């Protein structure tokens, strides 16, 4: 993960267990409250869940990218071989 991302998203620096505990606490705090909008709030719920899905996906992709970078740092020989294979694939690709 780039240093700039850490500065922009301080939540990504917290250990995963703490972040999961925070998200679980916020999810359960509103679970018992009835929806004042009733049946008309369905569209808003869909948009909110879509936004939540995008946030979860973005977080997952950030963590995946960070894990790949870590793997490349701790296994430089394997990372170099993977780069060479990728270069060969790109050289032999036909447009």
PDB file of N, CA and C in Angstrom:
ATOM      1  N   UNK A   1       0.847  -1.172   0.000  1.00  0.00           N
ATOM      2  CA  UNK A   1       0.000   0.000   0.000  1.00  0.00           C
ATOM      3  C   UNK A   1       0.889   1.230   0.000  1.00  0.00           C
ATOM      4  N   UNK A   2       0.491   2.206  -0.758  1.00  0.00           N
ATOM      5  CA  UNK A   2       1.279   3.426  -0.845  1.00  0.00           C
ATOM      6  C   UNK A   2       1.137   4.240   0.434  1.00  0.00           C
ATOM      7  N   UNK A   3       2.155   5.056   0.710  1.00  0.00           N
ATOM      8  CA  UNK A   3       2.118   5.880   1.915  1.00  0.00           C
ATOM      9  C   UNK A   3       0.965   6.860   1.884  1.00  0.00           C
ATOM     10  N   UNK A   4       0.631   7.379   0.716  1.00  0.00           N
ATOM     11  CA  UNK A   4      -0.459   8.333   0.591  1.00  0.00           C
ATOM     12  C   UNK A   4      -1.794   7.740   1.014  1.00  0.00           C
ATOM     13  N   UNK A   5      -1.983   6.436   0.728  1.00  0.00           N
ATOM     14  CA  UNK A   5      -3.232   5.794   1.127  1.00  0.00           C
ATOM     15  C   UNK A   5      -3.338   5.705   2.634  1.00  0.00           C
ATOM     16  N   UNK A   6      -2.215   5.486   3.309  1.00  0.00           N
ATOM     17  CA  UNK A   6      -2.255   5.421   4.762  1.00  0.00           C
ATOM     18  C   UNK A   6      -2.655   6.765   5.353  1.00  0.00           C
ATOM     19  N   UNK A   7      -2.172   7.844   4.752  1.00  0.00           N
ATOM     20  CA  UNK A   7      -2.515   9.158   5.267  1.00  0.00           C
ATOM     21  C   UNK A   7      -3.977   9.484   5.007  1.00  0.00           C
ATOM     22  N   UNK A   8      -4.492   9.054   3.858  1.00  0.00           N
ATOM     23  CA  UNK A   8      -5.879   9.360   3.531  1.00  0.00           C
ATOM     24  C   UNK A   8      -6.853   8.492   4.322  1.00  0.00           C
ATOM     25  N   UNK A   9      -6.483   7.257   4.618  1.00  0.00           N
ATOM     26  CA  UNK A   9      -7.400   6.333   5.268  1.00  0.00           C
ATOM     27  C   UNK A   9      -6.780   5.825   6.563  1.00  0.00           C
ATOM     28  N   UNK A  10      -6.952   6.552   7.669  1.00  0.00           N
ATOM     29  CA  UNK A  10      -6.326   6.118   8.921  1.00  0.00           C
ATOM     30  C   UNK A  10      -6.921   4.807   9.436  1.00  0.00           C
ATOM     31  N   UNK A  11      -8.140   4.451   9.019  1.00  0.00           N
ATOM     32  CA  UNK A  11      -8.746   3.207   9.491  1.00  0.00           C
ATOM     33  C   UNK A  11      -7.977   1.995   8.968  1.00  0.00           C
ATOM     34  N   UNK A  12      -7.282   2.138   7.835  1.00  0.00           N
ATOM     35  CA  UNK A  12      -6.558   1.000   7.283  1.00  0.00           C
ATOM     36  C   UNK A  12      -5.328   0.651   8.111  1.00  0.00           C
ATOM     37  N   UNK A  13      -4.910   1.572   9.003  1.00  0.00           N
ATOM     38  CA  UNK A  13      -3.755   1.286   9.854  1.00  0.00           C
ATOM     39  C   UNK A  13      -4.135   0.455  11.073  1.00  0.00           C
ATOM     40  N   UNK A  14      -5.409   0.452  11.448  1.00  0.00           N
ATOM     41  CA  UNK A  14      -5.847  -0.294  12.629  1.00  0.00           C
ATOM     42  C   UNK A  14      -5.781  -1.791  12.337  1.00  0.00           C
ATOM     43  N   UNK A  15      -5.472  -2.593  13.345  1.00  0.00           N
ATOM     44  CA  UNK A  15      -5.480  -4.041  13.127  1.00  0.00           C
ATOM     45  C   UNK A  15      -6.868  -4.507  12.688  1.00  0.00           C
ATOM     46  N   UNK A  16      -6.898  -5.568  11.920  1.00  0.00           N
ATOM     47  CA  UNK A  16      -8.139  -6.052  11.323  1.00  0.00           C
ATOM     48  C   UNK A  16      -9.193  -6.380  12.370  1.00  0.00           C
ATOM     49  N   UNK A  17      -8.806  -6.969  13.501  1.00  0.00           N
ATOM     50  CA  UNK A  17      -9.780  -7.332  14.530  1.00  0.00           C
ATOM     51  C   UNK A  17     -10.486  -6.099  15.075  1.00  0.00           C
ATOM     52  N   UNK A  18      -9.745  -5.004  15.261  1.00  0.00           N
ATOM     53  CA  UNK A  18     -10.358  -3.774  15.754  1.00  0.00           C
ATOM     54  C   UNK A  18     -11.325  -3.193  14.731  1.00  0.00           C
ATOM     55  N   UNK A  19     -10.933  -3.221  13.457  1.00  0.00           N
ATOM     56  CA  UNK A  19     -11.821  -2.695  12.418  1.00  0.00           C
ATOM     57  C   UNK A  19     -13.086  -3.527  12.340  1.00  0.00           C
ATOM     58  N   UNK A  20     -12.964  -4.867  12.413  1.00  0.00           N
ATOM     59  CA  UNK A  20     -14.141  -5.725  12.360  1.00  0.00           C
ATOM     60  C   UNK A  20     -15.036  -5.487  13.566  1.00  0.00           C
ATOM     61  N   UNK A  21     -14.438  -5.264  14.728  1.00  0.00           N
ATOM     62  CA  UNK A  21     -15.225  -5.001  15.934  1.00  0.00           C
ATOM     63  C   UNK A  21     -15.976  -3.689  15.792  1.00  0.00           C
ATOM     64  N   UNK A  22     -15.333  -2.675  15.204  1.00  0.00           N
ATOM     65  CA  UNK A  22     -16.000  -1.390  14.996  1.00  0.00           C
ATOM     66  C   UNK A  22     -17.177  -1.531  14.046  1.00  0.00           C
ATOM     67  N   UNK A  23     -16.967  -2.241  12.942  1.00  0.00           N
ATOM     68  CA  UNK A  23     -18.050  -2.376  11.978  1.00  0.00           C
ATOM     69  C   UNK A  23     -19.185  -3.212  12.547  1.00  0.00           C
ATOM     70  N   UNK A  24     -18.876  -4.217  13.361  1.00  0.00           N
ATOM     71  CA  UNK A  24     -19.923  -5.021  13.979  1.00  0.00           C
ATOM     72  C   UNK A  24     -20.696  -4.191  14.994  1.00  0.00           C
ATOM     73  N   UNK A  25     -20.004  -3.327  15.727  1.00  0.00           N
ATOM     74  CA  UNK A  25     -20.679  -2.498  16.727  1.00  0.00           C
ATOM     75  C   UNK A  25     -21.620  -1.509  16.053  1.00  0.00           C
ATOM     76  N   UNK A  26     -21.212  -0.920  14.948  1.00  0.00           N
ATOM     77  CA  UNK A  26     -22.090   0.028  14.268  1.00  0.00           C
ATOM     78  C   UNK A  26     -23.247  -0.684  13.595  1.00  0.00           C
ATOM     79  N   UNK A  27     -23.038  -1.910  13.136  1.00  0.00           N
ATOM     80  CA  UNK A  27     -24.117  -2.651  12.484  1.00  0.00           C
ATOM     81  C   UNK A  27     -25.175  -3.077  13.505  1.00  0.00           C
ATOM     82  N   UNK A  28     -24.757  -3.464  14.712  1.00  0.00           N
ATOM     83  CA  UNK A  28     -25.722  -3.926  15.698  1.00  0.00           C
ATOM     84  C   UNK A  28     -26.409  -2.768  16.403  1.00  0.00           C
ATOM     85  N   UNK A  29     -25.814  -1.587  16.405  1.00  0.00           N
ATOM     86  CA  UNK A  29     -26.429  -0.474  17.110  1.00  0.00           C
ATOM     87  C   UNK A  29     -27.690   0.011  16.407  1.00  0.00           C
ATOM     88  N   UNK A  30     -27.784  -0.152  15.083  1.00  0.00           N
ATOM     89  CA  UNK A  30     -28.964   0.291  14.363  1.00  0.00           C
ATOM     90  C   UNK A  30     -29.892  -0.853  14.003  1.00  0.00           C
ATOM     91  N   UNK A  31     -29.528  -2.087  14.338  1.00  0.00           N
ATOM     92  CA  UNK A  31     -30.336  -3.231  13.930  1.00  0.00           C
ATOM     93  C   UNK A  31     -31.676  -3.265  14.650  1.00  0.00           C
ATOM     94  N   UNK A  32     -31.765  -2.847  15.894  1.00  0.00           N
ATOM     95  CA  UNK A  32     -32.997  -2.920  16.647  1.00  0.00           C
ATOM     96  C   UNK A  32     -33.915  -1.734  16.440  1.00  0.00           C
ATOM     97  N   UNK A  33     -33.492  -0.731  15.688  1.00  0.00           N
ATOM     98  CA  UNK A  33     -34.297   0.469  15.490  1.00  0.00           C
ATOM     99  C   UNK A  33     -35.194   0.270  14.278  1.00  0.00           C
ATOM    100  N   UNK A  34     -36.516   0.468  14.432  1.00  0.00           N
ATOM    101  CA  UNK A  34     -37.393   0.317  13.265  1.00  0.00           C
ATOM    102  C   UNK A  34     -37.151   1.416  12.251  1.00  0.00           C
ATOM    103  N   UNK A  35     -37.386   1.095  10.982  1.00  0.00           N
ATOM    104  CA  UNK A  35     -37.166   2.038   9.896  1.00  0.00           C
ATOM    105  C   UNK A  35     -38.337   3.002   9.828  1.00  0.00           C
ATOM    106  N   UNK A  36     -38.119   4.311  10.054  1.00  0.00           N
ATOM    107  CA  UNK A  36     -39.228   5.256  10.020  1.00  0.00           C
ATOM    108  C   UNK A  36     -39.810   5.437   8.624  1.00  0.00           C
ATOM    109  N   UNK A  37     -39.028   5.171   7.576  1.00  0.00           N
ATOM    110  CA  UNK A  37     -39.522   5.350   6.217  1.00  0.00           C
ATOM    111  C   UNK A  37     -40.455   4.227   5.800  1.00  0.00           C
ATOM    112  N   UNK A  38     -40.380   3.111   6.460  1.00  0.00           N
ATOM    113  CA  UNK A  38     -41.247   1.979   6.144  1.00  0.00           C
ATOM    114  C   UNK A  38     -40.891   1.362   4.808  1.00  0.00           C
ATOM    115  N   UNK A  39     -41.917   1.058   4.011  1.00  0.00           N
ATOM    116  CA  UNK A  39     -41.703   0.379   2.731  1.00  0.00           C
ATOM    117  C   UNK A  39     -41.118   1.328   1.689  1.00  0.00           C
ATOM    118  N   UNK A  40     -41.265   2.623   1.862  1.00  0.00           N
ATOM    119  CA  UNK A  40     -40.759   3.556   0.862  1.00  0.00           C
ATOM    120  C   UNK A  40     -39.254   3.709   0.924  1.00  0.00           C
ATOM    121  N   UNK A  41     -38.609   3.232   1.980  1.00  0.00           N
ATOM    122  CA  UNK A  41     -37.165   3.374   2.131  1.00  0.00           C
ATOM    123  C   UNK A  41     -36.383   2.287   1.428  1.00  0.00           C
ATOM    124  N   UNK A  42     -37.044   1.445   0.647  1.00  0.00           N
ATOM    125  CA  UNK A  42     -36.367   0.342  -0.035  1.00  0.00           C
ATOM    126  C   UNK A  42     -35.286   0.812  -0.981  1.00  0.00           C
ATOM    127  N   UNK A  43     -35.558   1.877  -1.726  1.00  0.00           N
ATOM    128  CA  UNK A  43     -34.567   2.392  -2.672  1.00  0.00           C
ATOM    129  C   UNK A  43     -33.362   2.952  -1.941  1.00  0.00           C
ATOM    130  N   UNK A  44     -33.607   3.632  -0.818  1.00  0.00           N
ATOM    131  CA  UNK A  44     -32.493   4.179  -0.045  1.00  0.00           C
ATOM    132  C   UNK A  44     -31.646   3.060   0.539  1.00  0.00           C
ATOM    133  N   UNK A  45     -32.307   1.985   1.009  1.00  0.00           N
ATOM    134  CA  UNK A  45     -31.567   0.844   1.549  1.00  0.00           C
ATOM    135  C   UNK A  45     -30.719   0.192   0.469  1.00  0.00           C
ATOM    136  N   UNK A  46     -31.260   0.103  -0.738  1.00  0.00           N
ATOM    137  CA  UNK A  46     -30.508  -0.499  -1.842  1.00  0.00           C
ATOM    138  C   UNK A  46     -29.284   0.344  -2.163  1.00  0.00           C
ATOM    139  N   UNK A  47     -29.458   1.677  -2.171  1.00  0.00           N
ATOM    140  CA  UNK A  47     -28.318   2.542  -2.452  1.00  0.00           C
ATOM    141  C   UNK A  47     -27.290   2.454  -1.336  1.00  0.00           C
ATOM    142  N   UNK A  48     -27.759   2.401  -0.108  1.00  0.00           N
ATOM    143  CA  UNK A  48     -26.834   2.317   1.021  1.00  0.00           C
ATOM    144  C   UNK A  48     -26.066   0.993   0.984  1.00  0.00           C
ATOM    145  N   UNK A  49     -26.769  -0.088   0.695  1.00  0.00           N
ATOM    146  CA  UNK A  49     -26.070  -1.374   0.643  1.00  0.00           C
ATOM    147  C   UNK A  49     -25.101  -1.413  -0.537  1.00  0.00           C
ATOM    148  N   UNK A  50     -25.461  -0.736  -1.643  1.00  0.00           N
ATOM    149  CA  UNK A  50     -24.560  -0.676  -2.782  1.00  0.00           C
ATOM    150  C   UNK A  50     -23.299   0.109  -2.420  1.00  0.00           C
ATOM    151  N   UNK A  51     -23.492   1.215  -1.703  1.00  0.00           N
ATOM    152  CA  UNK A  51     -22.346   2.010  -1.272  1.00  0.00           C
ATOM    153  C   UNK A  51     -21.495   1.211  -0.283  1.00  0.00           C
ATOM    154  N   UNK A  52     -22.148   0.481   0.614  1.00  0.00           N
ATOM    155  CA  UNK A  52     -21.400  -0.344   1.570  1.00  0.00           C
ATOM    156  C   UNK A  52     -20.634  -1.440   0.846  1.00  0.00           C
ATOM    157  N   UNK A  53     -21.254  -2.014  -0.172  1.00  0.00           N
ATOM    158  CA  UNK A  53     -20.567  -3.057  -0.947  1.00  0.00           C
ATOM    159  C   UNK A  53     -19.345  -2.482  -1.640  1.00  0.00           C
ATOM    160  N   UNK A  54     -19.475  -1.276  -2.201  1.00  0.00           N
ATOM    161  CA  UNK A  54     -18.323  -0.652  -2.859  1.00  0.00           C
ATOM    162  C   UNK A  54     -17.213  -0.354  -1.860  1.00  0.00           C
ATOM    163  N   UNK A  55     -17.582   0.098  -0.647  1.00  0.00           N
ATOM    164  CA  UNK A  55     -16.560   0.354   0.376  1.00  0.00           C
ATOM    165  C   UNK A  55     -15.849  -0.934   0.765  1.00  0.00           C
ATOM    166  N   UNK A  56     -16.617  -2.007   0.967  1.00  0.00           N
ATOM    167  CA  UNK A  56     -15.998  -3.299   1.325  1.00  0.00           C
ATOM    168  C   UNK A  56     -15.098  -3.800   0.203  1.00  0.00           C
ATOM    169  N   UNK A  57     -15.541  -3.634  -1.044  1.00  0.00           N
ATOM    170  CA  UNK A  57     -14.738  -4.076  -2.190  1.00  0.00           C
ATOM    171  C   UNK A  57     -13.443  -3.276  -2.282  1.00  0.00           C
ATOM    172  N   UNK A  58     -13.543  -1.962  -2.093  1.00  0.00           N
ATOM    173  CA  UNK A  58     -12.343  -1.117  -2.146  1.00  0.00           C
ATOM    174  C   UNK A  58     -11.367  -1.505  -1.042  1.00  0.00           C
ATOM    175  N   UNK A  59     -11.893  -1.773   0.156  1.00  0.00           N
ATOM    176  CA  UNK A  59     -11.029  -2.193   1.275  1.00  0.00           C
ATOM    177  C   UNK A  59     -10.361  -3.527   0.948  1.00  0.00           C
ATOM    178  N   UNK A  60     -11.145  -4.465   0.394  1.00  0.00           N
ATOM    179  CA  UNK A  60     -10.583  -5.765   0.031  1.00  0.00           C
ATOM    180  C   UNK A  60      -9.466  -5.614  -1.004  1.00  0.00           C
ATOM    181  N   UNK A  61      -9.705  -4.792  -2.023  1.00  0.00           N
ATOM    182  CA  UNK A  61      -8.691  -4.615  -3.062  1.00  0.00           C
ATOM    183  C   UNK A  61      -7.436  -3.946  -2.520  1.00  0.00           C
ATOM    184  N   UNK A  62      -7.611  -2.988  -1.585  1.00  0.00           N
ATOM    185  CA  UNK A  62      -6.425  -2.370  -0.959  1.00  0.00           C
ATOM    186  C   UNK A  62      -5.619  -3.411  -0.195  1.00  0.00           C
ATOM    187  N   UNK A  63      -6.310  -4.262   0.582  1.00  0.00           N
ATOM    188  CA  UNK A  63      -5.600  -5.271   1.364  1.00  0.00           C
ATOM    189  C   UNK A  63      -4.948  -6.315   0.461  1.00  0.00           C
ATOM    190  N   UNK A  64      -5.614  -6.667  -0.648  1.00  0.00           N
ATOM    191  CA  UNK A  64      -5.039  -7.620  -1.586  1.00  0.00           C
ATOM    192  C   UNK A  64      -3.772  -7.054  -2.220  1.00  0.00           C
ATOM    193  N   UNK A  65      -3.825  -5.792  -2.621  1.00  0.00           N
ATOM    194  CA  UNK A  65      -2.651  -5.139  -3.213  1.00  0.00           C
ATOM    195  C   UNK A  65      -1.503  -5.091  -2.210  1.00  0.00           C
ATOM    196  N   UNK A  66      -1.829  -4.774  -0.959  1.00  0.00           N
ATOM    197  CA  UNK A  66      -0.807  -4.720   0.086  1.00  0.00           C
ATOM    198  C   UNK A  66      -0.182  -6.098   0.305  1.00  0.00           C
ATOM    199  N   UNK A  67      -1.009  -7.148   0.293  1.00  0.00           N
ATOM    200  CA  UNK A  67      -0.498  -8.507   0.487  1.00  0.00           C
ATOM    201  C   UNK A  67       0.409  -8.919  -0.669  1.00  0.00           C
ATOM    202  N   UNK A  68       0.032  -8.528  -1.891  1.00  0.00           N
ATOM    203  CA  UNK A  68       0.875  -8.864  -3.046  1.00  0.00           C
ATOM    204  C   UNK A  68       2.218  -8.152  -2.966  1.00  0.00           C
ATOM    205  N   UNK A  69       2.196  -6.894  -2.542  1.00  0.00           N
ATOM    206  CA  UNK A  69       3.454  -6.162  -2.397  1.00  0.00           C
ATOM    207  C   UNK A  69       4.330  -6.794  -1.323  1.00  0.00           C
ATOM    208  N   UNK A  70       3.725  -7.202  -0.225  1.00  0.00           N
ATOM    209  CA  UNK A  70       4.481  -7.845   0.845  1.00  0.00           C
ATOM    210  C   UNK A  70       5.098  -9.148   0.344  1.00  0.00           C
ATOM    211  N   UNK A  71       4.315  -9.943  -0.387  1.00  0.00           N
ATOM    212  CA  UNK A  71       4.833 -11.204  -0.916  1.00  0.00           C
ATOM    213  C   UNK A  71       5.999 -10.953  -1.859  1.00  0.00           C
ATOM    214  N   UNK A  72       5.887  -9.910  -2.696  1.00  0.00           N
ATOM    215  CA  UNK A  72       6.985  -9.595  -3.614  1.00  0.00           C
ATOM    216  C   UNK A  72       8.242  -9.176  -2.866  1.00  0.00           C
ATOM    217  N   UNK A  73       8.071  -8.483  -1.735  1.00  0.00           N
ATOM    218  CA  UNK A  73       9.242  -8.055  -0.958  1.00  0.00           C
ATOM    219  C   UNK A  73       9.920  -9.222  -0.260  1.00  0.00           C
ATOM    220  N   UNK A  74       9.140 -10.169   0.244  1.00  0.00           N
ATOM    221  CA  UNK A  74       9.754 -11.249   1.016  1.00  0.00           C
ATOM    222  C   UNK A  74      10.197 -12.406   0.137  1.00  0.00           C
ATOM    223  N   UNK A  75       9.737 -12.452  -1.139  1.00  0.00           N
ATOM    224  CA  UNK A  75      10.162 -13.507  -2.054  1.00  0.00           C
ATOM    225  C   UNK A  75      10.651 -12.872  -3.360  1.00  0.00           C
ATOM    226  N   UNK A  76      11.790 -12.194  -3.323  1.00  0.00           N
ATOM    227  CA  UNK A  76      12.225 -11.451  -4.511  1.00  0.00           C
ATOM    228  C   UNK A  76      12.509 -12.337  -5.719  1.00  0.00           C
ATOM    229  N   UNK A  77      12.998 -13.545  -5.502  1.00  0.00           N
ATOM    230  CA  UNK A  77      13.302 -14.412  -6.644  1.00  0.00           C
ATOM    231  C   UNK A  77      12.021 -14.822  -7.363  1.00  0.00           C
ATOM    232  N   UNK A  78      11.014 -15.175  -6.587  1.00  0.00           N
ATOM    233  CA  UNK A  78       9.730 -15.559  -7.183  1.00  0.00           C
ATOM    234  C   UNK A  78       9.081 -14.362  -7.884  1.00  0.00           C
ATOM    235  N   UNK A  79       9.196 -13.174  -7.289  1.00  0.00           N
ATOM    236  CA  UNK A  79       8.621 -11.973  -7.891  1.00  0.00           C
ATOM    237  C   UNK A  79       9.308 -11.663  -9.217  1.00  0.00           C
ATOM    238  N   UNK A  80      10.632 -11.826  -9.255  1.00  0.00           N
ATOM    239  CA  UNK A  80      11.373 -11.557 -10.493  1.00  0.00           C
ATOM    240  C   UNK A  80      10.965 -12.552 -11.570  1.00  0.00           C
ATOM    241  N   UNK A  81      10.837 -13.817 -11.207  1.00  0.00           N
ATOM    242  CA  UNK A  81      10.420 -14.830 -12.180  1.00  0.00           C
ATOM    243  C   UNK A  81       9.017 -14.524 -12.712  1.00  0.00           C
ATOM    244  N   UNK A  82       8.132 -14.074 -11.839  1.00  0.00           N
ATOM    245  CA  UNK A  82       6.775 -13.726 -12.268  1.00  0.00           C
ATOM    246  C   UNK A  82       6.805 -12.536 -13.224  1.00  0.00           C
ATOM    247  N   UNK A  83       7.657 -11.545 -12.944  1.00  0.00           N
ATOM    248  CA  UNK A  83       7.778 -10.398 -13.847  1.00  0.00           C
ATOM    249  C   UNK A  83       8.284 -10.834 -15.214  1.00  0.00           C
ATOM    250  N   UNK A  84       9.269 -11.736 -15.217  1.00  0.00           N
ATOM    251  CA  UNK A  84       9.815 -12.234 -16.486  1.00  0.00           C
ATOM    252  C   UNK A  84       8.760 -12.994 -17.279  1.00  0.00           C
ATOM    253  N   UNK A  85       7.967 -13.831 -16.600  1.00  0.00           N
ATOM    254  CA  UNK A  85       6.898 -14.561 -17.287  1.00  0.00           C
ATOM    255  C   UNK A  85       5.877 -13.585 -17.877  1.00  0.00           C
ATOM    256  N   UNK A  86       5.527 -12.563 -17.117  1.00  0.00           N
ATOM    257  CA  UNK A  86       4.579 -11.556 -17.613  1.00  0.00           C
ATOM    258  C   UNK A  86       5.139 -10.838 -18.837  1.00  0.00           C
ATOM    259  N   UNK A  87       6.423 -10.501 -18.808  1.00  0.00           N
ATOM    260  CA  UNK A  87       7.034  -9.841 -19.967  1.00  0.00           C
ATOM    261  C   UNK A  87       7.006 -10.745 -21.190  1.00  0.00           C
ATOM    262  N   UNK A  88       7.258 -12.041 -20.988  1.00  0.00           N
ATOM    263  CA  UNK A  88       7.207 -12.982 -22.110  1.00  0.00           C
ATOM    264  C   UNK A  88       5.789 -13.085 -22.665  1.00  0.00           C
ATOM    265  N   UNK A  89       4.815 -13.111 -21.788  1.00  0.00           N
ATOM    266  CA  UNK A  89       3.426 -13.159 -22.250  1.00  0.00           C
ATOM    267  C   UNK A  89       3.092 -11.926 -23.075  1.00  0.00           C
ATOM    268  N   UNK A  90       3.558 -10.761 -22.619  1.00  0.00           N
ATOM    269  CA  UNK A  90       3.251  -9.536 -23.341  1.00  0.00           C
ATOM    270  C   UNK A  90       3.996  -9.472 -24.673  1.00  0.00           C
ATOM    271  N   UNK A  91       5.199 -10.027 -24.730  1.00  0.00           N
ATOM    272  CA  UNK A  91       5.958 -10.014 -25.989  1.00  0.00           C
ATOM    273  C   UNK A  91       5.316 -10.921 -27.027  1.00  0.00           C
ATOM    274  N   UNK A  92       4.751 -12.036 -26.581  1.00  0.00           N
ATOM    275  CA  UNK A  92       4.211 -13.007 -27.523  1.00  0.00           C
ATOM    276  C   UNK A  92       2.720 -12.781 -27.788  1.00  0.00           C
ATOM    277  N   UNK A  93       2.133 -11.790 -27.166  1.00  0.00           N
ATOM    278  CA  UNK A  93       0.715 -11.511 -27.371  1.00  0.00           C
ATOM    279  C   UNK A  93       0.496 -10.948 -28.766  1.00  0.00           C
ATOM    280  N   UNK A  94      -0.515 -11.456 -29.445  1.00  0.00           N
ATOM    281  CA  UNK A  94      -0.791 -10.968 -30.812  1.00  0.00           C
ATOM    282  C   UNK A  94      -1.966 -10.010 -30.773  1.00  0.00           C
ATOM    283  N   UNK A  95      -1.782  -8.826 -31.360  1.00  0.00           N
ATOM    284  CA  UNK A  95      -2.863  -7.839 -31.389  1.00  0.00           C
ATOM    285  C   UNK A  95      -3.764  -8.161 -32.489  1.00  0.00           C
TER     286      UNK A  95
END
